[in-house]
Amino acid sequence: MKTITPQELSRLLAAQPSLNLIDVRTPVEFAEVHVAQVKSEPLDAFTPAAHPGSAGPVYLLCRSGARATKAAEKLAAAGNDQGVVVEGGTLAWIEAGLPVERGTVKVMSLERQVRIAAGSLVLTGVVLAQLIHPAFIGLSAFVGAGLIFAGITDFCGMGLLLARAPWNKRVRA
């Protein structure tokens, strides 16, 4: 998989502002902060067919690089090897001191939402197992197994579900 540093991409954008740069974060994350020239196409709605290999490189950006990598994998599975992941994502772009556009709303990252949801489910399972029936400990075990699976495979079903939650959708005015 091809990668590019934020600094290299910034130099390319200065010379070619119309590069195909796609941000695959949720609309709410995008609205909070994004690179000026980027187009928003959330990962759950990302369609490789809209980015044919003959159109040249597709630069992919997300918060830290994981979702952009998944988008590049979707492109590759569709026969397009032109996906280029921005190393470190928007966080690295900001850390490098490169310009971004900021919205007025502060949002909670998807990763943080997953930690809160997983912790809440584990705690709920433990409390229910103590107060109602010991079988409720299975809820905690299920969440723990899911977290292990997500760590090993880099696929987080809970993250994908939360990305579709109403508070992560931006209503266009």
N, C-alpha and C. Protein backbone atom coordinates (compact mmCIF):
# COMPACT_ATOMS: atom_id res chain seq x y z
N MET A 1 0.84 -1.19 0.00
CA MET A 1 0.00 0.00 0.00
C MET A 1 0.89 1.24 0.00
N LYS A 2 0.51 2.19 -0.83
CA LYS A 2 1.29 3.42 -0.94
C LYS A 2 0.89 4.38 0.18
N THR A 3 1.89 5.11 0.68
CA THR A 3 1.63 6.13 1.70
C THR A 3 2.35 7.42 1.31
N ILE A 4 1.93 8.50 1.96
CA ILE A 4 2.56 9.80 1.75
C ILE A 4 2.51 10.55 3.07
N THR A 5 3.53 11.33 3.36
CA THR A 5 3.53 12.11 4.59
C THR A 5 2.67 13.36 4.39
N PRO A 6 2.16 13.93 5.47
CA PRO A 6 1.39 15.16 5.33
C PRO A 6 2.19 16.28 4.65
N GLN A 7 3.47 16.38 4.96
CA GLN A 7 4.31 17.42 4.36
C GLN A 7 4.44 17.23 2.84
N GLU A 8 4.63 15.98 2.41
CA GLU A 8 4.73 15.70 0.97
C GLU A 8 3.41 16.03 0.27
N LEU A 9 2.30 15.64 0.89
CA LEU A 9 1.00 15.92 0.30
C LEU A 9 0.75 17.42 0.24
N SER A 10 1.14 18.15 1.26
CA SER A 10 0.97 19.60 1.28
C SER A 10 1.71 20.25 0.11
N ARG A 11 2.92 19.78 -0.15
CA ARG A 11 3.69 20.31 -1.29
C ARG A 11 3.00 19.98 -2.62
N LEU A 12 2.47 18.74 -2.73
CA LEU A 12 1.75 18.36 -3.94
C LEU A 12 0.50 19.22 -4.14
N LEU A 13 -0.24 19.46 -3.05
CA LEU A 13 -1.46 20.27 -3.14
C LEU A 13 -1.15 21.71 -3.52
N ALA A 14 -0.02 22.21 -3.08
CA ALA A 14 0.37 23.58 -3.44
C ALA A 14 0.60 23.69 -4.95
N ALA A 15 1.15 22.63 -5.54
CA ALA A 15 1.40 22.63 -6.98
C ALA A 15 0.17 22.21 -7.78
N GLN A 16 -0.66 21.33 -7.21
CA GLN A 16 -1.85 20.81 -7.89
C GLN A 16 -3.04 20.82 -6.93
N PRO A 17 -3.71 21.94 -6.75
CA PRO A 17 -4.81 22.03 -5.77
C PRO A 17 -6.00 21.11 -6.06
N SER A 18 -6.10 20.60 -7.27
CA SER A 18 -7.26 19.77 -7.63
C SER A 18 -7.00 18.27 -7.46
N LEU A 19 -5.99 17.90 -6.66
CA LEU A 19 -5.73 16.48 -6.43
C LEU A 19 -6.97 15.81 -5.84
N ASN A 20 -7.12 14.54 -6.10
CA ASN A 20 -8.25 13.77 -5.59
C ASN A 20 -7.94 13.36 -4.15
N LEU A 21 -8.34 14.22 -3.20
CA LEU A 21 -8.08 14.01 -1.78
C LEU A 21 -9.41 13.76 -1.07
N ILE A 22 -9.54 12.58 -0.45
CA ILE A 22 -10.80 12.15 0.17
C ILE A 22 -10.58 11.93 1.67
N ASP A 23 -11.48 12.49 2.48
CA ASP A 23 -11.48 12.29 3.93
C ASP A 23 -12.59 11.29 4.24
N VAL A 24 -12.24 10.15 4.84
CA VAL A 24 -13.22 9.08 5.07
C VAL A 24 -13.76 9.05 6.50
N ARG A 25 -13.54 10.13 7.26
CA ARG A 25 -14.10 10.20 8.62
C ARG A 25 -15.60 10.48 8.55
N THR A 26 -16.26 10.41 9.71
CA THR A 26 -17.69 10.69 9.76
C THR A 26 -17.94 12.16 9.42
N PRO A 27 -19.13 12.50 8.96
CA PRO A 27 -19.43 13.90 8.64
C PRO A 27 -19.23 14.85 9.82
N VAL A 28 -19.53 14.39 11.02
CA VAL A 28 -19.36 15.24 12.20
C VAL A 28 -17.87 15.49 12.46
N GLU A 29 -17.05 14.45 12.36
CA GLU A 29 -15.60 14.63 12.54
C GLU A 29 -15.06 15.58 11.47
N PHE A 30 -15.51 15.41 10.24
CA PHE A 30 -15.09 16.27 9.14
C PHE A 30 -15.46 17.73 9.42
N ALA A 31 -16.67 17.94 9.93
CA ALA A 31 -17.14 19.31 10.19
C ALA A 31 -16.32 19.98 11.27
N GLU A 32 -15.77 19.20 12.19
CA GLU A 32 -14.97 19.79 13.27
C GLU A 32 -13.66 20.37 12.73
N VAL A 33 -12.94 19.58 11.95
CA VAL A 33 -11.65 20.03 11.41
C VAL A 33 -11.31 19.18 10.18
N HIS A 34 -10.81 19.85 9.14
CA HIS A 34 -10.40 19.12 7.93
C HIS A 34 -9.42 19.95 7.10
N VAL A 35 -8.72 19.28 6.23
CA VAL A 35 -7.82 19.92 5.27
C VAL A 35 -8.69 20.65 4.26
N ALA A 36 -8.30 21.85 3.89
CA ALA A 36 -9.14 22.71 3.05
C ALA A 36 -9.57 22.06 1.73
N GLN A 37 -8.67 21.42 1.03
CA GLN A 37 -8.98 20.91 -0.31
C GLN A 37 -9.65 19.53 -0.31
N VAL A 38 -9.87 18.93 0.85
CA VAL A 38 -10.37 17.55 0.92
C VAL A 38 -11.87 17.48 0.68
N LYS A 39 -12.31 16.36 0.09
CA LYS A 39 -13.73 16.08 -0.08
C LYS A 39 -14.12 15.03 0.96
N SER A 40 -15.30 15.18 1.56
CA SER A 40 -15.77 14.23 2.56
C SER A 40 -16.52 13.08 1.88
N GLU A 41 -16.07 11.86 2.18
CA GLU A 41 -16.75 10.65 1.72
C GLU A 41 -16.56 9.61 2.82
N PRO A 42 -17.48 9.57 3.81
CA PRO A 42 -17.32 8.66 4.94
C PRO A 42 -17.08 7.22 4.51
N LEU A 43 -16.28 6.51 5.30
CA LEU A 43 -15.90 5.14 4.95
C LEU A 43 -17.11 4.25 4.68
N ASP A 44 -18.17 4.41 5.47
CA ASP A 44 -19.33 3.54 5.26
C ASP A 44 -20.06 3.84 3.95
N ALA A 45 -19.77 4.99 3.35
CA ALA A 45 -20.39 5.35 2.06
C ALA A 45 -19.35 5.39 0.93
N PHE A 46 -18.11 5.02 1.23
CA PHE A 46 -17.04 5.09 0.24
C PHE A 46 -17.26 4.08 -0.87
N THR A 47 -17.29 4.57 -2.11
CA THR A 47 -17.53 3.70 -3.26
C THR A 47 -16.34 3.72 -4.20
N PRO A 48 -15.61 2.61 -4.28
CA PRO A 48 -14.46 2.54 -5.16
C PRO A 48 -14.78 2.86 -6.62
N ALA A 49 -16.00 2.53 -7.06
CA ALA A 49 -16.37 2.78 -8.46
C ALA A 49 -16.33 4.27 -8.80
N ALA A 50 -16.48 5.13 -7.79
CA ALA A 50 -16.45 6.57 -8.03
C ALA A 50 -15.03 7.08 -8.23
N HIS A 51 -14.05 6.21 -8.05
CA HIS A 51 -12.64 6.60 -8.15
C HIS A 51 -11.90 5.62 -9.06
N PRO A 52 -12.11 5.69 -10.37
CA PRO A 52 -11.44 4.75 -11.28
C PRO A 52 -9.92 4.94 -11.28
N GLY A 53 -9.20 3.85 -11.41
CA GLY A 53 -7.74 3.89 -11.42
C GLY A 53 -7.17 4.77 -12.50
N SER A 54 -7.89 4.91 -13.61
CA SER A 54 -7.40 5.72 -14.72
C SER A 54 -7.41 7.21 -14.39
N ALA A 55 -8.12 7.60 -13.32
CA ALA A 55 -8.21 9.02 -12.95
C ALA A 55 -7.00 9.48 -12.14
N GLY A 56 -6.08 8.57 -11.83
CA GLY A 56 -4.89 8.93 -11.09
C GLY A 56 -5.02 8.60 -9.61
N PRO A 57 -4.02 9.02 -8.83
CA PRO A 57 -4.00 8.68 -7.40
C PRO A 57 -5.20 9.25 -6.64
N VAL A 58 -5.64 8.47 -5.64
CA VAL A 58 -6.69 8.90 -4.72
C VAL A 58 -6.01 8.99 -3.35
N TYR A 59 -5.83 10.21 -2.86
CA TYR A 59 -5.19 10.43 -1.57
C TYR A 59 -6.26 10.31 -0.49
N LEU A 60 -6.01 9.43 0.49
CA LEU A 60 -7.01 9.09 1.50
C LEU A 60 -6.57 9.54 2.87
N LEU A 61 -7.49 10.18 3.56
CA LEU A 61 -7.19 10.79 4.85
C LEU A 61 -8.28 10.43 5.84
N CYS A 62 -7.90 10.19 7.09
CA CYS A 62 -8.87 10.00 8.17
C CYS A 62 -8.27 10.62 9.42
N ARG A 63 -8.65 10.17 10.58
CA ARG A 63 -8.13 10.76 11.81
C ARG A 63 -6.67 10.37 12.02
N SER A 64 -6.38 9.05 11.94
CA SER A 64 -5.03 8.60 12.24
C SER A 64 -4.42 7.69 11.17
N GLY A 65 -5.22 7.26 10.22
CA GLY A 65 -4.72 6.42 9.13
C GLY A 65 -5.41 5.07 8.99
N ALA A 66 -6.09 4.59 10.04
CA ALA A 66 -6.71 3.26 9.99
C ALA A 66 -7.87 3.19 9.00
N ARG A 67 -8.78 4.16 9.05
CA ARG A 67 -9.93 4.13 8.13
C ARG A 67 -9.48 4.42 6.70
N ALA A 68 -8.48 5.27 6.53
CA ALA A 68 -7.95 5.54 5.19
C ALA A 68 -7.35 4.27 4.60
N THR A 69 -6.69 3.48 5.44
CA THR A 69 -6.14 2.20 4.99
C THR A 69 -7.25 1.27 4.53
N LYS A 70 -8.35 1.23 5.26
CA LYS A 70 -9.50 0.40 4.86
C LYS A 70 -10.07 0.87 3.52
N ALA A 71 -10.13 2.19 3.31
CA ALA A 71 -10.61 2.72 2.04
C ALA A 71 -9.66 2.32 0.91
N ALA A 72 -8.36 2.37 1.16
CA ALA A 72 -7.38 1.95 0.15
C ALA A 72 -7.54 0.47 -0.16
N GLU A 73 -7.84 -0.33 0.86
CA GLU A 73 -8.07 -1.76 0.65
C GLU A 73 -9.32 -1.99 -0.20
N LYS A 74 -10.37 -1.17 0.03
CA LYS A 74 -11.58 -1.26 -0.80
C LYS A 74 -11.25 -0.94 -2.25
N LEU A 75 -10.44 0.10 -2.46
CA LEU A 75 -10.03 0.45 -3.83
C LEU A 75 -9.27 -0.70 -4.48
N ALA A 76 -8.30 -1.26 -3.73
CA ALA A 76 -7.49 -2.35 -4.27
C ALA A 76 -8.34 -3.57 -4.60
N ALA A 77 -9.32 -3.88 -3.75
CA ALA A 77 -10.21 -5.01 -4.00
C ALA A 77 -11.04 -4.80 -5.27
N ALA A 78 -11.27 -3.53 -5.62
CA ALA A 78 -12.03 -3.19 -6.83
C ALA A 78 -11.10 -3.06 -8.04
N GLY A 79 -9.81 -3.37 -7.85
CA GLY A 79 -8.86 -3.34 -8.98
C GLY A 79 -8.17 -2.01 -9.17
N ASN A 80 -8.28 -1.10 -8.22
CA ASN A 80 -7.63 0.21 -8.33
C ASN A 80 -6.48 0.27 -7.33
N ASP A 81 -5.27 0.27 -7.85
CA ASP A 81 -4.09 0.31 -6.97
C ASP A 81 -3.58 1.74 -6.78
N GLN A 82 -4.43 2.73 -7.02
CA GLN A 82 -4.04 4.13 -6.95
C GLN A 82 -4.32 4.78 -5.58
N GLY A 83 -4.75 4.01 -4.58
CA GLY A 83 -5.02 4.56 -3.26
C GLY A 83 -3.72 4.90 -2.54
N VAL A 84 -3.62 6.11 -2.01
CA VAL A 84 -2.44 6.56 -1.27
C VAL A 84 -2.91 7.07 0.10
N VAL A 85 -2.45 6.42 1.16
CA VAL A 85 -2.87 6.77 2.52
C VAL A 85 -1.95 7.85 3.08
N VAL A 86 -2.56 8.89 3.65
CA VAL A 86 -1.79 9.95 4.30
C VAL A 86 -1.38 9.44 5.68
N GLU A 87 -0.07 9.30 5.88
CA GLU A 87 0.47 8.76 7.13
C GLU A 87 0.06 9.61 8.33
N GLY A 88 -0.53 8.95 9.33
CA GLY A 88 -0.90 9.64 10.55
C GLY A 88 -2.18 10.45 10.47
N GLY A 89 -2.77 10.54 9.29
CA GLY A 89 -4.05 11.19 9.09
C GLY A 89 -4.09 12.67 9.47
N THR A 90 -5.28 13.12 9.80
CA THR A 90 -5.50 14.53 10.14
C THR A 90 -4.70 14.93 11.37
N LEU A 91 -4.56 14.00 12.32
CA LEU A 91 -3.77 14.31 13.52
C LEU A 91 -2.34 14.67 13.15
N ALA A 92 -1.72 13.90 12.25
CA ALA A 92 -0.35 14.19 11.82
C ALA A 92 -0.29 15.48 11.02
N TRP A 93 -1.33 15.74 10.22
CA TRP A 93 -1.40 16.98 9.44
C TRP A 93 -1.38 18.19 10.37
N ILE A 94 -2.20 18.13 11.42
CA ILE A 94 -2.28 19.23 12.39
C ILE A 94 -0.97 19.34 13.15
N GLU A 95 -0.41 18.20 13.57
CA GLU A 95 0.84 18.19 14.32
C GLU A 95 1.99 18.80 13.51
N ALA A 96 1.93 18.64 12.19
CA ALA A 96 2.96 19.21 11.31
C ALA A 96 2.77 20.71 11.12
N GLY A 97 1.70 21.26 11.68
CA GLY A 97 1.46 22.70 11.57
C GLY A 97 0.89 23.12 10.22
N LEU A 98 0.31 22.18 9.50
CA LEU A 98 -0.25 22.49 8.18
C LEU A 98 -1.66 23.07 8.35
N PRO A 99 -2.11 23.88 7.40
CA PRO A 99 -3.39 24.58 7.57
C PRO A 99 -4.60 23.64 7.49
N VAL A 100 -5.58 23.93 8.34
CA VAL A 100 -6.85 23.20 8.36
C VAL A 100 -7.99 24.20 8.49
N GLU A 101 -9.18 23.74 8.15
CA GLU A 101 -10.39 24.54 8.38
C GLU A 101 -11.08 23.92 9.58
N ARG A 102 -11.46 24.78 10.53
CA ARG A 102 -12.12 24.31 11.76
C ARG A 102 -13.56 24.77 11.79
N GLY A 103 -14.44 23.87 12.23
CA GLY A 103 -15.84 24.20 12.41
C GLY A 103 -16.05 24.81 13.79
N THR A 104 -17.27 25.14 14.09
CA THR A 104 -17.58 25.77 15.37
C THR A 104 -17.98 24.76 16.43
N VAL A 105 -18.23 23.50 16.03
CA VAL A 105 -18.69 22.48 16.95
C VAL A 105 -17.53 21.56 17.31
N LYS A 106 -17.39 21.26 18.59
CA LYS A 106 -16.40 20.30 19.06
C LYS A 106 -17.08 18.94 19.15
N VAL A 107 -16.45 17.90 18.61
CA VAL A 107 -17.07 16.57 18.60
C VAL A 107 -16.16 15.56 19.30
N MET A 108 -16.77 14.45 19.66
CA MET A 108 -16.04 13.36 20.29
C MET A 108 -15.61 12.39 19.19
N SER A 109 -14.34 12.00 19.20
CA SER A 109 -13.84 11.10 18.16
C SER A 109 -14.54 9.74 18.24
N LEU A 110 -14.58 9.07 17.11
CA LEU A 110 -15.20 7.75 17.04
C LEU A 110 -14.48 6.76 17.96
N GLU A 111 -13.17 6.85 18.02
CA GLU A 111 -12.38 5.97 18.88
C GLU A 111 -12.79 6.14 20.35
N ARG A 112 -12.99 7.37 20.77
CA ARG A 112 -13.39 7.65 22.15
C ARG A 112 -14.82 7.12 22.40
N GLN A 113 -15.69 7.27 21.41
CA GLN A 113 -17.05 6.75 21.54
C GLN A 113 -17.04 5.23 21.73
N VAL A 114 -16.15 4.54 21.00
CA VAL A 114 -16.04 3.09 21.13
C VAL A 114 -15.59 2.71 22.54
N ARG A 115 -14.60 3.44 23.07
CA ARG A 115 -14.12 3.13 24.42
C ARG A 115 -15.22 3.32 25.45
N ILE A 116 -15.99 4.40 25.31
CA ILE A 116 -17.09 4.66 26.25
C ILE A 116 -18.15 3.57 26.15
N ALA A 117 -18.54 3.22 24.92
CA ALA A 117 -19.57 2.19 24.73
C ALA A 117 -19.10 0.84 25.26
N ALA A 118 -17.87 0.45 24.94
CA ALA A 118 -17.35 -0.85 25.40
C ALA A 118 -17.26 -0.88 26.92
N GLY A 119 -16.74 0.16 27.51
CA GLY A 119 -16.65 0.21 28.97
C GLY A 119 -18.01 0.16 29.63
N SER A 120 -18.98 0.86 29.06
CA SER A 120 -20.34 0.85 29.61
C SER A 120 -20.96 -0.54 29.53
N LEU A 121 -20.75 -1.23 28.42
CA LEU A 121 -21.31 -2.57 28.27
C LEU A 121 -20.65 -3.56 29.23
N VAL A 122 -19.34 -3.46 29.40
CA VAL A 122 -18.64 -4.34 30.34
C VAL A 122 -19.14 -4.10 31.76
N LEU A 123 -19.22 -2.83 32.15
CA LEU A 123 -19.70 -2.51 33.50
C LEU A 123 -21.14 -2.98 33.69
N THR A 124 -21.98 -2.78 32.69
CA THR A 124 -23.37 -3.23 32.77
C THR A 124 -23.44 -4.74 32.95
N GLY A 125 -22.64 -5.47 32.20
CA GLY A 125 -22.61 -6.93 32.33
C GLY A 125 -22.20 -7.38 33.72
N VAL A 126 -21.20 -6.73 34.30
CA VAL A 126 -20.73 -7.10 35.64
C VAL A 126 -21.81 -6.78 36.68
N VAL A 127 -22.40 -5.60 36.60
CA VAL A 127 -23.45 -5.21 37.56
C VAL A 127 -24.65 -6.14 37.45
N LEU A 128 -25.11 -6.43 36.23
CA LEU A 128 -26.25 -7.33 36.05
C LEU A 128 -25.94 -8.74 36.54
N ALA A 129 -24.69 -9.19 36.35
CA ALA A 129 -24.30 -10.52 36.83
C ALA A 129 -24.35 -10.57 38.36
N GLN A 130 -24.00 -9.48 39.02
CA GLN A 130 -24.03 -9.43 40.48
C GLN A 130 -25.46 -9.31 41.01
N LEU A 131 -26.29 -8.50 40.34
CA LEU A 131 -27.61 -8.18 40.88
C LEU A 131 -28.74 -9.07 40.36
N ILE A 132 -28.66 -9.53 39.13
CA ILE A 132 -29.78 -10.24 38.51
C ILE A 132 -29.49 -11.73 38.36
N HIS A 133 -28.49 -12.04 37.52
CA HIS A 133 -28.18 -13.45 37.24
C HIS A 133 -26.73 -13.54 36.75
N PRO A 134 -25.99 -14.55 37.21
CA PRO A 134 -24.58 -14.68 36.81
C PRO A 134 -24.36 -14.79 35.30
N ALA A 135 -25.37 -15.22 34.55
CA ALA A 135 -25.21 -15.38 33.09
C ALA A 135 -24.96 -14.05 32.39
N PHE A 136 -25.31 -12.94 33.03
CA PHE A 136 -25.08 -11.63 32.41
C PHE A 136 -23.59 -11.32 32.25
N ILE A 137 -22.73 -12.09 32.90
CA ILE A 137 -21.28 -11.88 32.73
C ILE A 137 -20.89 -12.16 31.28
N GLY A 138 -21.76 -12.91 30.57
CA GLY A 138 -21.52 -13.18 29.14
C GLY A 138 -21.45 -11.91 28.31
N LEU A 139 -22.21 -10.88 28.72
CA LEU A 139 -22.15 -9.60 28.01
C LEU A 139 -20.74 -9.02 28.07
N SER A 140 -20.16 -9.05 29.27
CA SER A 140 -18.78 -8.55 29.43
C SER A 140 -17.79 -9.38 28.62
N ALA A 141 -17.99 -10.70 28.63
CA ALA A 141 -17.10 -11.59 27.87
C ALA A 141 -17.22 -11.32 26.36
N PHE A 142 -18.45 -11.10 25.90
CA PHE A 142 -18.68 -10.82 24.49
C PHE A 142 -17.97 -9.53 24.06
N VAL A 143 -18.09 -8.49 24.87
CA VAL A 143 -17.44 -7.22 24.56
C VAL A 143 -15.92 -7.38 24.59
N GLY A 144 -15.42 -8.11 25.59
CA GLY A 144 -13.98 -8.36 25.66
C GLY A 144 -13.47 -9.10 24.44
N ALA A 145 -14.21 -10.12 24.01
CA ALA A 145 -13.82 -10.87 22.81
C ALA A 145 -13.84 -9.97 21.58
N GLY A 146 -14.85 -9.09 21.51
CA GLY A 146 -14.93 -8.15 20.39
C GLY A 146 -13.74 -7.20 20.35
N LEU A 147 -13.31 -6.73 21.52
CA LEU A 147 -12.15 -5.83 21.58
C LEU A 147 -10.87 -6.56 21.17
N ILE A 148 -10.74 -7.81 21.59
CA ILE A 148 -9.56 -8.60 21.17
C ILE A 148 -9.58 -8.79 19.65
N PHE A 149 -10.74 -9.16 19.12
CA PHE A 149 -10.89 -9.34 17.67
C PHE A 149 -10.53 -8.04 16.93
N ALA A 150 -11.03 -6.91 17.43
CA ALA A 150 -10.74 -5.62 16.79
C ALA A 150 -9.25 -5.31 16.83
N GLY A 151 -8.60 -5.64 17.94
CA GLY A 151 -7.16 -5.39 18.04
C GLY A 151 -6.35 -6.25 17.09
N ILE A 152 -6.77 -7.50 16.92
CA ILE A 152 -6.02 -8.42 16.06
C ILE A 152 -6.27 -8.13 14.58
N THR A 153 -7.52 -7.88 14.22
CA THR A 153 -7.87 -7.74 12.80
C THR A 153 -7.92 -6.30 12.31
N ASP A 154 -7.93 -5.33 13.23
CA ASP A 154 -8.10 -3.92 12.90
C ASP A 154 -9.46 -3.66 12.26
N PHE A 155 -10.45 -4.49 12.60
CA PHE A 155 -11.83 -4.31 12.16
C PHE A 155 -12.68 -4.14 13.40
N CYS A 156 -13.33 -3.00 13.54
CA CYS A 156 -14.12 -2.73 14.74
C CYS A 156 -15.58 -2.55 14.36
N GLY A 157 -16.36 -3.61 14.56
CA GLY A 157 -17.78 -3.57 14.25
C GLY A 157 -18.51 -2.50 15.05
N MET A 158 -18.12 -2.33 16.31
CA MET A 158 -18.77 -1.32 17.14
C MET A 158 -18.49 0.08 16.57
N GLY A 159 -17.28 0.29 16.10
CA GLY A 159 -16.95 1.58 15.49
C GLY A 159 -17.78 1.85 14.25
N LEU A 160 -17.97 0.81 13.44
CA LEU A 160 -18.79 0.96 12.23
C LEU A 160 -20.24 1.26 12.59
N LEU A 161 -20.75 0.60 13.63
CA LEU A 161 -22.12 0.88 14.08
C LEU A 161 -22.24 2.30 14.62
N LEU A 162 -21.29 2.71 15.44
CA LEU A 162 -21.34 4.06 16.01
C LEU A 162 -21.20 5.13 14.93
N ALA A 163 -20.45 4.85 13.88
CA ALA A 163 -20.30 5.82 12.79
C ALA A 163 -21.64 6.11 12.12
N ARG A 164 -22.56 5.14 12.20
CA ARG A 164 -23.89 5.31 11.60
C ARG A 164 -24.91 5.90 12.57
N ALA A 165 -24.48 6.14 13.81
CA ALA A 165 -25.40 6.67 14.82
C ALA A 165 -25.83 8.10 14.45
N PRO A 166 -27.03 8.49 14.83
CA PRO A 166 -27.56 9.81 14.44
C PRO A 166 -26.66 10.98 14.85
N TRP A 167 -26.02 10.89 16.01
CA TRP A 167 -25.17 12.01 16.45
C TRP A 167 -23.88 12.11 15.65
N ASN A 168 -23.56 11.09 14.85
CA ASN A 168 -22.38 11.16 13.98
C ASN A 168 -22.75 11.52 12.54
N LYS A 169 -24.00 11.80 12.31
CA LYS A 169 -24.45 12.24 10.99
C LYS A 169 -24.66 13.75 11.05
N ARG A 170 -24.28 14.41 10.01
CA ARG A 170 -24.45 15.85 9.96
C ARG A 170 -25.61 16.16 9.02
N VAL A 171 -26.58 16.84 9.54
CA VAL A 171 -27.71 17.24 8.72
C VAL A 171 -27.29 18.44 7.89
N ARG A 172 -27.42 18.30 6.59
CA ARG A 172 -27.04 19.41 5.70
C ARG A 172 -28.18 20.40 5.62
N ALA A 173 -27.84 21.67 5.81
CA ALA A 173 -28.87 22.72 5.78
C ALA A 173 -29.15 23.15 4.37
